[in-house]
mmCIF file of all heavy atoms, coordinates in Angstrom:
data_MODEL
# 
_entry.id   MODEL 
# 
loop_
_atom_site.group_PDB 
_atom_site.id 
_atom_site.type_symbol 
_atom_site.label_atom_id 
_atom_site.label_alt_id 
_atom_site.label_comp_id 
_atom_site.label_asym_id 
_atom_site.label_entity_id 
_atom_site.label_seq_id 
_atom_site.pdbx_PDB_ins_code 
_atom_site.Cartn_x 
_atom_site.Cartn_y 
_atom_site.Cartn_z 
_atom_site.occupancy 
_atom_site.B_iso_or_equiv 
_atom_site.pdbx_formal_charge 
_atom_site.auth_seq_id 
_atom_site.auth_comp_id 
_atom_site.auth_asym_id 
_atom_site.auth_atom_id 
_atom_site.pdbx_PDB_model_num 
ATOM 1   N N   . ILE A 1 1  ? -5.469  -10.123 -0.834  1.00 0.00 ? 1  ILE A N   1 
ATOM 2   C CA  . ILE A 1 1  ? -4.199  -10.738 -0.559  1.00 0.00 ? 1  ILE A CA  1 
ATOM 3   C C   . ILE A 1 1  ? -3.409  -9.694  0.345   1.00 0.00 ? 1  ILE A C   1 
ATOM 4   O O   . ILE A 1 1  ? -3.402  -8.528  0.025   1.00 0.00 ? 1  ILE A O   1 
ATOM 5   C CB  . ILE A 1 1  ? -3.327  -10.984 -1.829  1.00 0.00 ? 1  ILE A CB  1 
ATOM 6   C CG1 . ILE A 1 1  ? -4.157  -11.814 -2.832  1.00 0.00 ? 1  ILE A CG1 1 
ATOM 7   C CG2 . ILE A 1 1  ? -2.065  -11.692 -1.443  1.00 0.00 ? 1  ILE A CG2 1 
ATOM 8   C CD1 . ILE A 1 1  ? -4.543  -13.260 -2.306  1.00 0.00 ? 1  ILE A CD1 1 
ATOM 9   N N   . LEU A 1 2  ? -2.907  -10.208 1.456   1.00 0.00 ? 2  LEU A N   1 
ATOM 10  C CA  . LEU A 1 2  ? -2.295  -9.272  2.435   1.00 0.00 ? 2  LEU A CA  1 
ATOM 11  C C   . LEU A 1 2  ? -0.751  -9.155  2.270   1.00 0.00 ? 2  LEU A C   1 
ATOM 12  O O   . LEU A 1 2  ? -0.112  -10.180 1.697   1.00 0.00 ? 2  LEU A O   1 
ATOM 13  C CB  . LEU A 1 2  ? -2.605  -9.736  3.882   1.00 0.00 ? 2  LEU A CB  1 
ATOM 14  C CG  . LEU A 1 2  ? -4.054  -9.778  4.191   1.00 0.00 ? 2  LEU A CG  1 
ATOM 15  C CD1 . LEU A 1 2  ? -4.310  -10.232 5.643   1.00 0.00 ? 2  LEU A CD1 1 
ATOM 16  C CD2 . LEU A 1 2  ? -4.837  -8.386  3.930   1.00 0.00 ? 2  LEU A CD2 1 
ATOM 17  N N   . SER A 1 3  ? -0.159  -8.192  2.794   1.00 0.00 ? 3  SER A N   1 
ATOM 18  C CA  . SER A 1 3  ? 1.296   -8.003  2.777   1.00 0.00 ? 3  SER A CA  1 
ATOM 19  C C   . SER A 1 3  ? 1.938   -8.817  3.833   1.00 0.00 ? 3  SER A C   1 
ATOM 20  O O   . SER A 1 3  ? 1.287   -9.604  4.523   1.00 0.00 ? 3  SER A O   1 
ATOM 21  C CB  . SER A 1 3  ? 1.621   -6.480  2.982   1.00 0.00 ? 3  SER A CB  1 
ATOM 22  O OG  . SER A 1 3  ? 1.090   -6.151  4.272   1.00 0.00 ? 3  SER A OG  1 
ATOM 23  N N   . ASN A 1 4  ? 3.272   -8.661  3.938   1.00 0.00 ? 4  ASN A N   1 
ATOM 24  C CA  . ASN A 1 4  ? 3.996   -9.298  4.992   1.00 0.00 ? 4  ASN A CA  1 
ATOM 25  C C   . ASN A 1 4  ? 3.382   -9.113  6.401   1.00 0.00 ? 4  ASN A C   1 
ATOM 26  O O   . ASN A 1 4  ? 2.962   -7.975  6.695   1.00 0.00 ? 4  ASN A O   1 
ATOM 27  C CB  . ASN A 1 4  ? 5.455   -8.814  5.028   1.00 0.00 ? 4  ASN A CB  1 
ATOM 28  C CG  . ASN A 1 4  ? 6.167   -9.169  3.738   1.00 0.00 ? 4  ASN A CG  1 
ATOM 29  O OD1 . ASN A 1 4  ? 5.815   -10.246 3.089   1.00 0.00 ? 4  ASN A OD1 1 
ATOM 30  N ND2 . ASN A 1 4  ? 7.183   -8.511  3.327   1.00 0.00 ? 4  ASN A ND2 1 
ATOM 31  N N   . ASN A 1 5  ? 3.453   -10.131 7.166   1.00 0.00 ? 5  ASN A N   1 
ATOM 32  C CA  . ASN A 1 5  ? 2.865   -10.041 8.546   1.00 0.00 ? 5  ASN A CA  1 
ATOM 33  C C   . ASN A 1 5  ? 1.377   -9.719  8.494   1.00 0.00 ? 5  ASN A C   1 
ATOM 34  O O   . ASN A 1 5  ? 0.793   -9.154  9.473   1.00 0.00 ? 5  ASN A O   1 
ATOM 35  C CB  . ASN A 1 5  ? 3.582   -9.017  9.392   1.00 0.00 ? 5  ASN A CB  1 
ATOM 36  C CG  . ASN A 1 5  ? 4.915   -9.593  10.098  1.00 0.00 ? 5  ASN A CG  1 
ATOM 37  O OD1 . ASN A 1 5  ? 4.834   -10.747 10.611  1.00 0.00 ? 5  ASN A OD1 1 
ATOM 38  N ND2 . ASN A 1 5  ? 5.957   -8.928  9.956   1.00 0.00 ? 5  ASN A ND2 1 
ATOM 39  N N   . ASP A 1 6  ? 0.740   -10.106 7.389   1.00 0.00 ? 6  ASP A N   1 
ATOM 40  C CA  . ASP A 1 6  ? -0.732  -9.868  7.299   1.00 0.00 ? 6  ASP A CA  1 
ATOM 41  C C   . ASP A 1 6  ? -1.144  -8.418  7.612   1.00 0.00 ? 6  ASP A C   1 
ATOM 42  O O   . ASP A 1 6  ? -2.119  -8.171  8.342   1.00 0.00 ? 6  ASP A O   1 
ATOM 43  C CB  . ASP A 1 6  ? -1.508  -10.896 8.199   1.00 0.00 ? 6  ASP A CB  1 
ATOM 44  C CG  . ASP A 1 6  ? -1.330  -12.277 7.781   1.00 0.00 ? 6  ASP A CG  1 
ATOM 45  O OD1 . ASP A 1 6  ? -0.960  -12.535 6.676   1.00 0.00 ? 6  ASP A OD1 1 
ATOM 46  O OD2 . ASP A 1 6  ? -1.583  -13.189 8.611   1.00 0.00 ? 6  ASP A OD2 1 
ATOM 47  N N   . GLY A 1 7  ? -0.340  -7.471  7.110   1.00 0.00 ? 7  GLY A N   1 
ATOM 48  C CA  . GLY A 1 7  ? -0.556  -6.076  7.450   1.00 0.00 ? 7  GLY A CA  1 
ATOM 49  C C   . GLY A 1 7  ? -1.644  -5.420  6.608   1.00 0.00 ? 7  GLY A C   1 
ATOM 50  O O   . GLY A 1 7  ? -2.704  -4.998  7.211   1.00 0.00 ? 7  GLY A O   1 
ATOM 51  N N   . CYS A 1 8  ? -1.515  -5.280  5.325   1.00 0.00 ? 8  CYS A N   1 
ATOM 52  C CA  . CYS A 1 8  ? -2.456  -4.529  4.562   1.00 0.00 ? 8  CYS A CA  1 
ATOM 53  C C   . CYS A 1 8  ? -2.664  -5.154  3.151   1.00 0.00 ? 8  CYS A C   1 
ATOM 54  O O   . CYS A 1 8  ? -1.897  -6.101  2.797   1.00 0.00 ? 8  CYS A O   1 
ATOM 55  C CB  . CYS A 1 8  ? -2.010  -3.079  4.340   1.00 0.00 ? 8  CYS A CB  1 
ATOM 56  S SG  . CYS A 1 8  ? -0.441  -2.837  3.547   1.00 0.00 ? 8  CYS A SG  1 
ATOM 57  N N   . ILE A 1 9  ? -3.611  -4.683  2.461   1.00 0.00 ? 9  ILE A N   1 
ATOM 58  C CA  . ILE A 1 9  ? -3.974  -5.282  1.217   1.00 0.00 ? 9  ILE A CA  1 
ATOM 59  C C   . ILE A 1 9  ? -2.963  -4.908  0.032   1.00 0.00 ? 9  ILE A C   1 
ATOM 60  O O   . ILE A 1 9  ? -2.686  -3.772  -0.151  1.00 0.00 ? 9  ILE A O   1 
ATOM 61  C CB  . ILE A 1 9  ? -5.395  -4.793  0.738   1.00 0.00 ? 9  ILE A CB  1 
ATOM 62  C CG1 . ILE A 1 9  ? -6.461  -5.252  1.717   1.00 0.00 ? 9  ILE A CG1 1 
ATOM 63  C CG2 . ILE A 1 9  ? -5.753  -5.394  -0.672  1.00 0.00 ? 9  ILE A CG2 1 
ATOM 64  C CD1 . ILE A 1 9  ? -7.822  -4.771  1.438   1.00 0.00 ? 9  ILE A CD1 1 
ATOM 65  N N   . VAL A 1 10 ? -2.438  -5.927  -0.556  1.00 0.00 ? 10 VAL A N   1 
ATOM 66  C CA  . VAL A 1 10 ? -1.517  -5.694  -1.715  1.00 0.00 ? 10 VAL A CA  1 
ATOM 67  C C   . VAL A 1 10 ? -2.071  -6.222  -3.064  1.00 0.00 ? 10 VAL A C   1 
ATOM 68  O O   . VAL A 1 10 ? -1.472  -5.858  -4.039  1.00 0.00 ? 10 VAL A O   1 
ATOM 69  C CB  . VAL A 1 10 ? -0.106  -6.363  -1.441  1.00 0.00 ? 10 VAL A CB  1 
ATOM 70  C CG1 . VAL A 1 10 ? 0.471   -5.688  -0.206  1.00 0.00 ? 10 VAL A CG1 1 
ATOM 71  C CG2 . VAL A 1 10 ? -0.333  -7.826  -1.250  1.00 0.00 ? 10 VAL A CG2 1 
ATOM 72  N N   . ALA A 1 11 ? -3.145  -6.921  -3.028  1.00 0.00 ? 11 ALA A N   1 
ATOM 73  C CA  . ALA A 1 11 ? -3.677  -7.396  -4.289  1.00 0.00 ? 11 ALA A CA  1 
ATOM 74  C C   . ALA A 1 11 ? -5.280  -7.630  -4.046  1.00 0.00 ? 11 ALA A C   1 
ATOM 75  O O   . ALA A 1 11 ? -5.648  -7.997  -2.982  1.00 0.00 ? 11 ALA A O   1 
ATOM 76  C CB  . ALA A 1 11 ? -3.108  -8.671  -4.795  1.00 0.00 ? 11 ALA A CB  1 
ATOM 77  N N   . ARG A 1 12 ? -6.057  -7.330  -5.080  1.00 0.00 ? 12 ARG A N   1 
ATOM 78  C CA  . ARG A 1 12 ? -7.489  -7.460  -4.916  1.00 0.00 ? 12 ARG A CA  1 
ATOM 79  C C   . ARG A 1 12 ? -8.079  -8.094  -6.184  1.00 0.00 ? 12 ARG A C   1 
ATOM 80  O O   . ARG A 1 12 ? -7.541  -7.950  -7.327  1.00 0.00 ? 12 ARG A O   1 
ATOM 81  C CB  . ARG A 1 12 ? -8.131  -6.039  -4.920  1.00 0.00 ? 12 ARG A CB  1 
ATOM 82  C CG  . ARG A 1 12 ? -7.631  -5.203  -3.759  1.00 0.00 ? 12 ARG A CG  1 
ATOM 83  C CD  . ARG A 1 12 ? -8.149  -3.805  -3.926  1.00 0.00 ? 12 ARG A CD  1 
ATOM 84  N NE  . ARG A 1 12 ? -7.530  -3.156  -5.128  1.00 0.00 ? 12 ARG A NE  1 
ATOM 85  C CZ  . ARG A 1 12 ? -7.964  -1.905  -5.680  1.00 0.00 ? 12 ARG A CZ  1 
ATOM 86  N NH1 . ARG A 1 12 ? -9.006  -1.364  -5.139  1.00 0.00 ? 12 ARG A NH1 1 
ATOM 87  N NH2 . ARG A 1 12 ? -7.355  -1.465  -6.724  1.00 0.00 ? 12 ARG A NH2 1 
ATOM 88  N N   . SER A 1 13 ? -9.180  -8.871  -6.090  1.00 0.00 ? 13 SER A N   1 
ATOM 89  C CA  . SER A 1 13 ? -9.869  -9.376  -7.143  1.00 0.00 ? 13 SER A CA  1 
ATOM 90  C C   . SER A 1 13 ? -10.857 -8.279  -7.602  1.00 0.00 ? 13 SER A C   1 
ATOM 91  O O   . SER A 1 13 ? -11.024 -7.270  -6.984  1.00 0.00 ? 13 SER A O   1 
ATOM 92  C CB  . SER A 1 13 ? -10.775 -10.545 -6.635  1.00 0.00 ? 13 SER A CB  1 
ATOM 93  O OG  . SER A 1 13 ? -11.786 -10.132 -5.752  1.00 0.00 ? 13 SER A OG  1 
ATOM 94  N N   . ASN A 1 14 ? -11.297 -8.485  -8.901  1.00 0.00 ? 14 ASN A N   1 
ATOM 95  C CA  . ASN A 1 14 ? -12.251 -7.551  -9.476  1.00 0.00 ? 14 ASN A CA  1 
ATOM 96  C C   . ASN A 1 14 ? -13.468 -7.337  -8.547  1.00 0.00 ? 14 ASN A C   1 
ATOM 97  O O   . ASN A 1 14 ? -13.961 -6.240  -8.420  1.00 0.00 ? 14 ASN A O   1 
ATOM 98  C CB  . ASN A 1 14 ? -12.710 -7.978  -10.809 1.00 0.00 ? 14 ASN A CB  1 
ATOM 99  C CG  . ASN A 1 14 ? -11.560 -7.805  -11.861 1.00 0.00 ? 14 ASN A CG  1 
ATOM 100 O OD1 . ASN A 1 14 ? -10.706 -6.996  -11.702 1.00 0.00 ? 14 ASN A OD1 1 
ATOM 101 N ND2 . ASN A 1 14 ? -11.619 -8.581  -12.913 1.00 0.00 ? 14 ASN A ND2 1 
ATOM 102 N N   . GLU A 1 15 ? -13.906 -8.439  -7.907  1.00 0.00 ? 15 GLU A N   1 
ATOM 103 C CA  . GLU A 1 15 ? -15.112 -8.347  -7.038  1.00 0.00 ? 15 GLU A CA  1 
ATOM 104 C C   . GLU A 1 15 ? -14.844 -7.438  -5.831  1.00 0.00 ? 15 GLU A C   1 
ATOM 105 O O   . GLU A 1 15 ? -15.719 -6.692  -5.323  1.00 0.00 ? 15 GLU A O   1 
ATOM 106 C CB  . GLU A 1 15 ? -15.537 -9.705  -6.531  1.00 0.00 ? 15 GLU A CB  1 
ATOM 107 C CG  . GLU A 1 15 ? -15.935 -10.629 -7.647  1.00 0.00 ? 15 GLU A CG  1 
ATOM 108 C CD  . GLU A 1 15 ? -14.876 -11.335 -8.433  1.00 0.00 ? 15 GLU A CD  1 
ATOM 109 O OE1 . GLU A 1 15 ? -13.679 -11.141 -8.051  1.00 0.00 ? 15 GLU A OE1 1 
ATOM 110 O OE2 . GLU A 1 15 ? -15.127 -12.051 -9.370  1.00 0.00 ? 15 GLU A OE2 1 
ATOM 111 N N   . LEU A 1 16 ? -13.575 -7.483  -5.296  1.00 0.00 ? 16 LEU A N   1 
ATOM 112 C CA  . LEU A 1 16 ? -13.191 -6.633  -4.182  1.00 0.00 ? 16 LEU A CA  1 
ATOM 113 C C   . LEU A 1 16 ? -13.082 -5.173  -4.612  1.00 0.00 ? 16 LEU A C   1 
ATOM 114 O O   . LEU A 1 16 ? -13.517 -4.222  -3.902  1.00 0.00 ? 16 LEU A O   1 
ATOM 115 C CB  . LEU A 1 16 ? -11.896 -7.086  -3.598  1.00 0.00 ? 16 LEU A CB  1 
ATOM 116 C CG  . LEU A 1 16 ? -11.494 -6.449  -2.309  1.00 0.00 ? 16 LEU A CG  1 
ATOM 117 C CD1 . LEU A 1 16 ? -12.504 -6.617  -1.199  1.00 0.00 ? 16 LEU A CD1 1 
ATOM 118 C CD2 . LEU A 1 16 ? -10.117 -6.988  -1.822  1.00 0.00 ? 16 LEU A CD2 1 
ATOM 119 N N   . LYS A 1 17 ? -12.584 -4.922  -5.845  1.00 0.00 ? 17 LYS A N   1 
ATOM 120 C CA  . LYS A 1 17 ? -12.422 -3.602  -6.352  1.00 0.00 ? 17 LYS A CA  1 
ATOM 121 C C   . LYS A 1 17 ? -13.797 -2.956  -6.490  1.00 0.00 ? 17 LYS A C   1 
ATOM 122 O O   . LYS A 1 17 ? -14.029 -1.759  -6.236  1.00 0.00 ? 17 LYS A O   1 
ATOM 123 C CB  . LYS A 1 17 ? -11.726 -3.550  -7.718  1.00 0.00 ? 17 LYS A CB  1 
ATOM 124 C CG  . LYS A 1 17 ? -10.280 -4.069  -7.651  1.00 0.00 ? 17 LYS A CG  1 
ATOM 125 C CD  . LYS A 1 17 ? -9.720  -4.219  -9.062  1.00 0.00 ? 17 LYS A CD  1 
ATOM 126 C CE  . LYS A 1 17 ? -8.283  -4.771  -9.029  1.00 0.00 ? 17 LYS A CE  1 
ATOM 127 N NZ  . LYS A 1 17 ? -7.697  -4.908  -10.412 1.00 0.00 ? 17 LYS A NZ  1 
ATOM 128 N N   . ALA A 1 18 ? -14.769 -3.764  -6.902  1.00 0.00 ? 18 ALA A N   1 
ATOM 129 C CA  . ALA A 1 18 ? -16.239 -3.285  -7.054  1.00 0.00 ? 18 ALA A CA  1 
ATOM 130 C C   . ALA A 1 18 ? -16.800 -2.791  -5.734  1.00 0.00 ? 18 ALA A C   1 
ATOM 131 O O   . ALA A 1 18 ? -17.741 -2.013  -5.677  1.00 0.00 ? 18 ALA A O   1 
ATOM 132 C CB  . ALA A 1 18 ? -17.055 -4.342  -7.622  1.00 0.00 ? 18 ALA A CB  1 
ATOM 133 N N   . LEU A 1 19 ? -16.270 -3.263  -4.529  1.00 0.00 ? 19 LEU A N   1 
ATOM 134 C CA  . LEU A 1 19 ? -16.763 -2.898  -3.230  1.00 0.00 ? 19 LEU A CA  1 
ATOM 135 C C   . LEU A 1 19 ? -15.963 -1.589  -2.775  1.00 0.00 ? 19 LEU A C   1 
ATOM 136 O O   . LEU A 1 19 ? -16.211 -1.175  -1.654  1.00 0.00 ? 19 LEU A O   1 
ATOM 137 C CB  . LEU A 1 19 ? -16.549 -3.986  -2.304  1.00 0.00 ? 19 LEU A CB  1 
ATOM 138 C CG  . LEU A 1 19 ? -17.334 -5.264  -2.515  1.00 0.00 ? 19 LEU A CG  1 
ATOM 139 C CD1 . LEU A 1 19 ? -16.889 -6.346  -1.481  1.00 0.00 ? 19 LEU A CD1 1 
ATOM 140 C CD2 . LEU A 1 19 ? -18.801 -4.993  -2.434  1.00 0.00 ? 19 LEU A CD2 1 
ATOM 141 N N   . ASP A 1 20 ? -15.178 -1.091  -3.667  1.00 0.00 ? 20 ASP A N   1 
ATOM 142 C CA  . ASP A 1 20 ? -14.422 0.154   -3.264  1.00 0.00 ? 20 ASP A CA  1 
ATOM 143 C C   . ASP A 1 20 ? -13.456 -0.046  -2.044  1.00 0.00 ? 20 ASP A C   1 
ATOM 144 O O   . ASP A 1 20 ? -13.248 0.872   -1.238  1.00 0.00 ? 20 ASP A O   1 
ATOM 145 C CB  . ASP A 1 20 ? -15.309 1.333   -2.957  1.00 0.00 ? 20 ASP A CB  1 
ATOM 146 C CG  . ASP A 1 20 ? -16.069 1.798   -4.267  1.00 0.00 ? 20 ASP A CG  1 
ATOM 147 O OD1 . ASP A 1 20 ? -15.387 1.802   -5.311  1.00 0.00 ? 20 ASP A OD1 1 
ATOM 148 O OD2 . ASP A 1 20 ? -17.086 2.330   -4.229  1.00 0.00 ? 20 ASP A OD2 1 
ATOM 149 N N   . VAL A 1 21 ? -12.994 -1.189  -1.921  1.00 0.00 ? 21 VAL A N   1 
ATOM 150 C CA  . VAL A 1 21 ? -11.963 -1.497  -0.913  1.00 0.00 ? 21 VAL A CA  1 
ATOM 151 C C   . VAL A 1 21 ? -10.539 -1.205  -1.543  1.00 0.00 ? 21 VAL A C   1 
ATOM 152 O O   . VAL A 1 21 ? -10.162 -1.806  -2.570  1.00 0.00 ? 21 VAL A O   1 
ATOM 153 C CB  . VAL A 1 21 ? -11.983 -2.991  -0.372  1.00 0.00 ? 21 VAL A CB  1 
ATOM 154 C CG1 . VAL A 1 21 ? -10.884 -3.241  0.534   1.00 0.00 ? 21 VAL A CG1 1 
ATOM 155 C CG2 . VAL A 1 21 ? -13.372 -3.247  0.138   1.00 0.00 ? 21 VAL A CG2 1 
ATOM 156 N N   . ASN A 1 22 ? -9.871  -0.236  -0.922  1.00 0.00 ? 22 ASN A N   1 
ATOM 157 C CA  . ASN A 1 22 ? -8.636  0.242   -1.554  1.00 0.00 ? 22 ASN A CA  1 
ATOM 158 C C   . ASN A 1 22 ? -7.411  -0.523  -1.237  1.00 0.00 ? 22 ASN A C   1 
ATOM 159 O O   . ASN A 1 22 ? -7.397  -1.245  -0.229  1.00 0.00 ? 22 ASN A O   1 
ATOM 160 C CB  . ASN A 1 22 ? -8.397  1.714   -1.070  1.00 0.00 ? 22 ASN A CB  1 
ATOM 161 C CG  . ASN A 1 22 ? -9.513  2.606   -1.613  1.00 0.00 ? 22 ASN A CG  1 
ATOM 162 O OD1 . ASN A 1 22 ? -10.076 2.542   -2.631  1.00 0.00 ? 22 ASN A OD1 1 
ATOM 163 N ND2 . ASN A 1 22 ? -9.874  3.639   -0.784  1.00 0.00 ? 22 ASN A ND2 1 
ATOM 164 N N   . MET A 1 23 ? -6.457  -0.446  -2.109  1.00 0.00 ? 23 MET A N   1 
ATOM 165 C CA  . MET A 1 23 ? -5.125  -1.048  -1.811  1.00 0.00 ? 23 MET A CA  1 
ATOM 166 C C   . MET A 1 23 ? -4.484  -0.355  -0.656  1.00 0.00 ? 23 MET A C   1 
ATOM 167 O O   . MET A 1 23 ? -4.717  0.811   -0.376  1.00 0.00 ? 23 MET A O   1 
ATOM 168 C CB  . MET A 1 23 ? -4.233  -0.860  -3.006  1.00 0.00 ? 23 MET A CB  1 
ATOM 169 C CG  . MET A 1 23 ? -4.564  -1.649  -4.252  1.00 0.00 ? 23 MET A CG  1 
ATOM 170 S SD  . MET A 1 23 ? -4.075  -3.321  -4.152  1.00 0.00 ? 23 MET A SD  1 
ATOM 171 C CE  . MET A 1 23 ? -2.412  -3.240  -4.631  1.00 0.00 ? 23 MET A CE  1 
ATOM 172 N N   . GLY A 1 24 ? -3.695  -1.120  0.131   1.00 0.00 ? 24 GLY A N   1 
ATOM 173 C CA  . GLY A 1 24 ? -2.914  -0.559  1.287   1.00 0.00 ? 24 GLY A CA  1 
ATOM 174 C C   . GLY A 1 24 ? -3.771  -0.441  2.575   1.00 0.00 ? 24 GLY A C   1 
ATOM 175 O O   . GLY A 1 24 ? -3.294  0.024   3.522   1.00 0.00 ? 24 GLY A O   1 
ATOM 176 N N   . LEU A 1 25 ? -5.023  -0.813  2.565   1.00 0.00 ? 25 LEU A N   1 
ATOM 177 C CA  . LEU A 1 25 ? -5.943  -0.778  3.703   1.00 0.00 ? 25 LEU A CA  1 
ATOM 178 C C   . LEU A 1 25 ? -5.494  -1.737  4.788   1.00 0.00 ? 25 LEU A C   1 
ATOM 179 O O   . LEU A 1 25 ? -5.276  -2.941  4.470   1.00 0.00 ? 25 LEU A O   1 
ATOM 180 C CB  . LEU A 1 25 ? -7.370  -1.063  3.278   1.00 0.00 ? 25 LEU A CB  1 
ATOM 181 C CG  . LEU A 1 25 ? -8.476  -0.408  4.144   1.00 0.00 ? 25 LEU A CG  1 
ATOM 182 C CD1 . LEU A 1 25 ? -8.306  1.105   4.063   1.00 0.00 ? 25 LEU A CD1 1 
ATOM 183 C CD2 . LEU A 1 25 ? -9.812  -0.894  3.602   1.00 0.00 ? 25 LEU A CD2 1 
ATOM 184 N N   . PRO A 1 26 ? -5.204  -1.331  5.972   1.00 0.00 ? 26 PRO A N   1 
ATOM 185 C CA  . PRO A 1 26 ? -4.841  -2.236  7.026   1.00 0.00 ? 26 PRO A CA  1 
ATOM 186 C C   . PRO A 1 26 ? -5.911  -3.300  7.270   1.00 0.00 ? 26 PRO A C   1 
ATOM 187 O O   . PRO A 1 26 ? -7.116  -2.969  7.365   1.00 0.00 ? 26 PRO A O   1 
ATOM 188 C CB  . PRO A 1 26 ? -4.655  -1.359  8.227   1.00 0.00 ? 26 PRO A CB  1 
ATOM 189 C CG  . PRO A 1 26 ? -4.448  0.007   7.688   1.00 0.00 ? 26 PRO A CG  1 
ATOM 190 C CD  . PRO A 1 26 ? -5.243  0.049   6.466   1.00 0.00 ? 26 PRO A CD  1 
ATOM 191 N N   . TYR A 1 27 ? -5.532  -4.538  7.373   1.00 0.00 ? 27 TYR A N   1 
ATOM 192 C CA  . TYR A 1 27 ? -6.448  -5.628  7.585   1.00 0.00 ? 27 TYR A CA  1 
ATOM 193 C C   . TYR A 1 27 ? -7.182  -5.516  8.904   1.00 0.00 ? 27 TYR A C   1 
ATOM 194 O O   . TYR A 1 27 ? -8.429  -5.732  8.964   1.00 0.00 ? 27 TYR A O   1 
ATOM 195 C CB  . TYR A 1 27 ? -5.644  -6.945  7.556   1.00 0.00 ? 27 TYR A CB  1 
ATOM 196 C CG  . TYR A 1 27 ? -6.533  -8.145  7.916   1.00 0.00 ? 27 TYR A CG  1 
ATOM 197 C CD1 . TYR A 1 27 ? -7.674  -8.562  7.137   1.00 0.00 ? 27 TYR A CD1 1 
ATOM 198 C CD2 . TYR A 1 27 ? -6.184  -8.987  9.009   1.00 0.00 ? 27 TYR A CD2 1 
ATOM 199 C CE1 . TYR A 1 27 ? -8.510  -9.589  7.510   1.00 0.00 ? 27 TYR A CE1 1 
ATOM 200 C CE2 . TYR A 1 27 ? -7.024  -10.040 9.360   1.00 0.00 ? 27 TYR A CE2 1 
ATOM 201 C CZ  . TYR A 1 27 ? -8.142  -10.359 8.613   1.00 0.00 ? 27 TYR A CZ  1 
ATOM 202 O OH  . TYR A 1 27 ? -8.908  -11.406 8.903   1.00 0.00 ? 27 TYR A OH  1 
ATOM 203 N N   . PHE A 1 28 ? -6.568  -5.085  9.957   1.00 0.00 ? 28 PHE A N   1 
ATOM 204 C CA  . PHE A 1 28 ? -7.265  -5.192  11.289  1.00 0.00 ? 28 PHE A CA  1 
ATOM 205 C C   . PHE A 1 28 ? -8.367  -4.172  11.369  1.00 0.00 ? 28 PHE A C   1 
ATOM 206 O O   . PHE A 1 28 ? -9.253  -4.237  12.181  1.00 0.00 ? 28 PHE A O   1 
ATOM 207 C CB  . PHE A 1 28 ? -6.212  -4.977  12.434  1.00 0.00 ? 28 PHE A CB  1 
ATOM 208 C CG  . PHE A 1 28 ? -5.648  -3.514  12.442  1.00 0.00 ? 28 PHE A CG  1 
ATOM 209 C CD1 . PHE A 1 28 ? -6.304  -2.603  13.321  1.00 0.00 ? 28 PHE A CD1 1 
ATOM 210 C CD2 . PHE A 1 28 ? -4.556  -3.155  11.819  1.00 0.00 ? 28 PHE A CD2 1 
ATOM 211 C CE1 . PHE A 1 28 ? -5.850  -1.351  13.407  1.00 0.00 ? 28 PHE A CE1 1 
ATOM 212 C CE2 . PHE A 1 28 ? -4.111  -1.829  11.860  1.00 0.00 ? 28 PHE A CE2 1 
ATOM 213 C CZ  . PHE A 1 28 ? -4.719  -0.909  12.753  1.00 0.00 ? 28 PHE A CZ  1 
ATOM 214 N N   . LYS A 1 29 ? -8.296  -3.072  10.564  1.00 0.00 ? 29 LYS A N   1 
ATOM 215 C CA  . LYS A 1 29 ? -9.297  -2.103  10.556  1.00 0.00 ? 29 LYS A CA  1 
ATOM 216 C C   . LYS A 1 29 ? -10.581 -2.426  9.692   1.00 0.00 ? 29 LYS A C   1 
ATOM 217 O O   . LYS A 1 29 ? -11.603 -1.829  9.855   1.00 0.00 ? 29 LYS A O   1 
ATOM 218 C CB  . LYS A 1 29 ? -8.811  -0.773  9.954   1.00 0.00 ? 29 LYS A CB  1 
ATOM 219 C CG  . LYS A 1 29 ? -7.771  -0.031  10.839  1.00 0.00 ? 29 LYS A CG  1 
ATOM 220 C CD  . LYS A 1 29 ? -7.387  1.243   10.285  1.00 0.00 ? 29 LYS A CD  1 
ATOM 221 C CE  . LYS A 1 29 ? -6.423  2.035   11.186  1.00 0.00 ? 29 LYS A CE  1 
ATOM 222 N NZ  . LYS A 1 29 ? -6.016  3.344   10.637  1.00 0.00 ? 29 LYS A NZ  1 
# 
């Protein structure tokens, strides 16, 4: 789930956490 203006990650499913994708990561990167 992305922040305002589709900026960065503000919420993750357990499946995404298992991939070591961190909170706050910019979407475009």
